Amino acid sequence: MNEIEKLKARLTELHEISKGIQAKADAERRDLKADEQTELDAVMAEFDAVESDIKRRERILAQEQRL
């Protein structure tokens, strides 16, 4: 598994974590607790960072293919 594939797998993991946090609050018919919101914010920030890393690596690969 190359690095981009590993990062895409991490995106899937992060998405599942996000869904789980929100689903728990939804199932209990309540807003997110402060600690859940903090965790969700951190997960979403990591998701954005990993997504940016993937895009950067894909651009580098595309450049390489053009050479």
C-alpha atoms as a PDB file:
ATOM      1  CA  MET A   1       0.000   0.000   0.000  1.00  0.00           C
ATOM      2  CA  ASN A   2       1.513   3.313  -1.047  1.00  0.00           C
ATOM      3  CA  GLU A   3       1.385   6.466   1.029  1.00  0.00           C
ATOM      4  CA  ILE A   4      -1.619   7.955  -0.787  1.00  0.00           C
ATOM      5  CA  GLU A   5      -3.612   4.768  -0.232  1.00  0.00           C
ATOM      6  CA  LYS A   6      -2.678   4.823   3.461  1.00  0.00           C
ATOM      7  CA  LEU A   7      -3.820   8.430   3.724  1.00  0.00           C
ATOM      8  CA  LYS A   8      -7.103   7.650   1.969  1.00  0.00           C
ATOM      9  CA  ALA A   9      -7.656   4.799   4.422  1.00  0.00           C
ATOM     10  CA  ARG A  10      -7.069   7.278   7.243  1.00  0.00           C
ATOM     11  CA  LEU A  11      -9.719   9.574   5.745  1.00  0.00           C
ATOM     12  CA  THR A  12     -12.172   6.692   5.925  1.00  0.00           C
ATOM     13  CA  GLU A  13     -11.257   6.058   9.569  1.00  0.00           C
ATOM     14  CA  LEU A  14     -11.688   9.717  10.444  1.00  0.00           C
ATOM     15  CA  HIS A  15     -15.033   9.855   8.674  1.00  0.00           C
ATOM     16  CA  GLU A  16     -16.263   6.847  10.639  1.00  0.00           C
ATOM     17  CA  ILE A  17     -15.137   8.464  13.897  1.00  0.00           C
ATOM     18  CA  SER A  18     -16.997  11.670  12.986  1.00  0.00           C
ATOM     19  CA  LYS A  19     -20.150   9.776  12.095  1.00  0.00           C
ATOM     20  CA  GLY A  20     -19.958   7.829  15.349  1.00  0.00           C
ATOM     21  CA  ILE A  21     -19.651  10.924  17.505  1.00  0.00           C
ATOM     22  CA  GLN A  22     -22.600  12.609  15.799  1.00  0.00           C
ATOM     23  CA  ALA A  23     -24.701   9.431  15.721  1.00  0.00           C
ATOM     24  CA  LYS A  24     -24.350   8.969  19.462  1.00  0.00           C
ATOM     25  CA  ALA A  25     -25.648  12.462  20.156  1.00  0.00           C
ATOM     26  CA  ASP A  26     -28.425  12.025  17.589  1.00  0.00           C
ATOM     27  CA  ALA A  27     -29.486   8.703  19.112  1.00  0.00           C
ATOM     28  CA  GLU A  28     -29.720  10.381  22.490  1.00  0.00           C
ATOM     29  CA  ARG A  29     -31.604  13.323  20.907  1.00  0.00           C
ATOM     30  CA  ARG A  30     -29.224  15.927  22.202  1.00  0.00           C
ATOM     31  CA  ASP A  31     -26.589  18.371  21.092  1.00  0.00           C
ATOM     32  CA  LEU A  32     -22.947  17.403  21.252  1.00  0.00           C
ATOM     33  CA  LYS A  33     -21.361  17.657  24.675  1.00  0.00           C
ATOM     34  CA  ALA A  34     -18.366  19.968  24.984  1.00  0.00           C
ATOM     35  CA  ASP A  35     -15.884  17.088  24.968  1.00  0.00           C
ATOM     36  CA  GLU A  36     -17.598  15.523  21.939  1.00  0.00           C
ATOM     37  CA  GLN A  37     -17.485  18.829  20.080  1.00  0.00           C
ATOM     38  CA  THR A  38     -13.794  19.203  20.908  1.00  0.00           C
ATOM     39  CA  GLU A  39     -13.084  15.668  19.679  1.00  0.00           C
ATOM     40  CA  LEU A  40     -15.151  16.189  16.533  1.00  0.00           C
ATOM     41  CA  ASP A  41     -13.362  19.466  15.803  1.00  0.00           C
ATOM     42  CA  ALA A  42      -9.998  17.701  16.146  1.00  0.00           C
ATOM     43  CA  VAL A  43     -11.081  14.825  13.911  1.00  0.00           C
ATOM     44  CA  MET A  44     -12.371  17.249  11.275  1.00  0.00           C
ATOM     45  CA  ALA A  45      -9.147  19.252  11.409  1.00  0.00           C
ATOM     46  CA  GLU A  46      -7.116  16.074  10.917  1.00  0.00           C
ATOM     47  CA  PHE A  47      -9.425  15.063   8.040  1.00  0.00           C
ATOM     48  CA  ASP A  48      -8.773  18.418   6.337  1.00  0.00           C
ATOM     49  CA  ALA A  49      -5.014  18.091   6.871  1.00  0.00           C
ATOM     50  CA  VAL A  50      -4.901  14.549   5.502  1.00  0.00           C
ATOM     51  CA  GLU A  51      -7.028  15.580   2.530  1.00  0.00           C
ATOM     52  CA  SER A  52      -4.596  18.422   1.780  1.00  0.00           C
ATOM     53  CA  ASP A  53      -1.668  16.026   2.063  1.00  0.00           C
ATOM     54  CA  ILE A  54      -3.302  13.665  -0.445  1.00  0.00           C
ATOM     55  CA  LYS A  55      -3.952  16.490  -2.906  1.00  0.00           C
ATOM     56  CA  ARG A  56      -0.357  17.677  -2.628  1.00  0.00           C
ATOM     57  CA  ARG A  57       1.036  14.172  -3.180  1.00  0.00           C
ATOM     58  CA  GLU A  58      -1.293  13.616  -6.148  1.00  0.00           C
ATOM     59  CA  ARG A  59      -0.154  16.892  -7.713  1.00  0.00           C
ATOM     60  CA  ILE A  60       3.472  15.850  -7.307  1.00  0.00           C
ATOM     61  CA  LEU A  61       2.723  12.523  -9.000  1.00  0.00           C
ATOM     62  CA  ALA A  62       0.923  14.324 -11.821  1.00  0.00           C
ATOM     63  CA  GLN A  63       3.925  16.596 -12.303  1.00  0.00           C
ATOM     64  CA  GLU A  64       6.217  13.587 -12.422  1.00  0.00           C
ATOM     65  CA  GLN A  65       4.085  11.936 -15.085  1.00  0.00           C
ATOM     66  CA  ARG A  66       4.323  15.049 -17.256  1.00  0.00           C
ATOM     67  CA  LEU A  67       8.118  14.986 -17.270  1.00  0.00           C
END
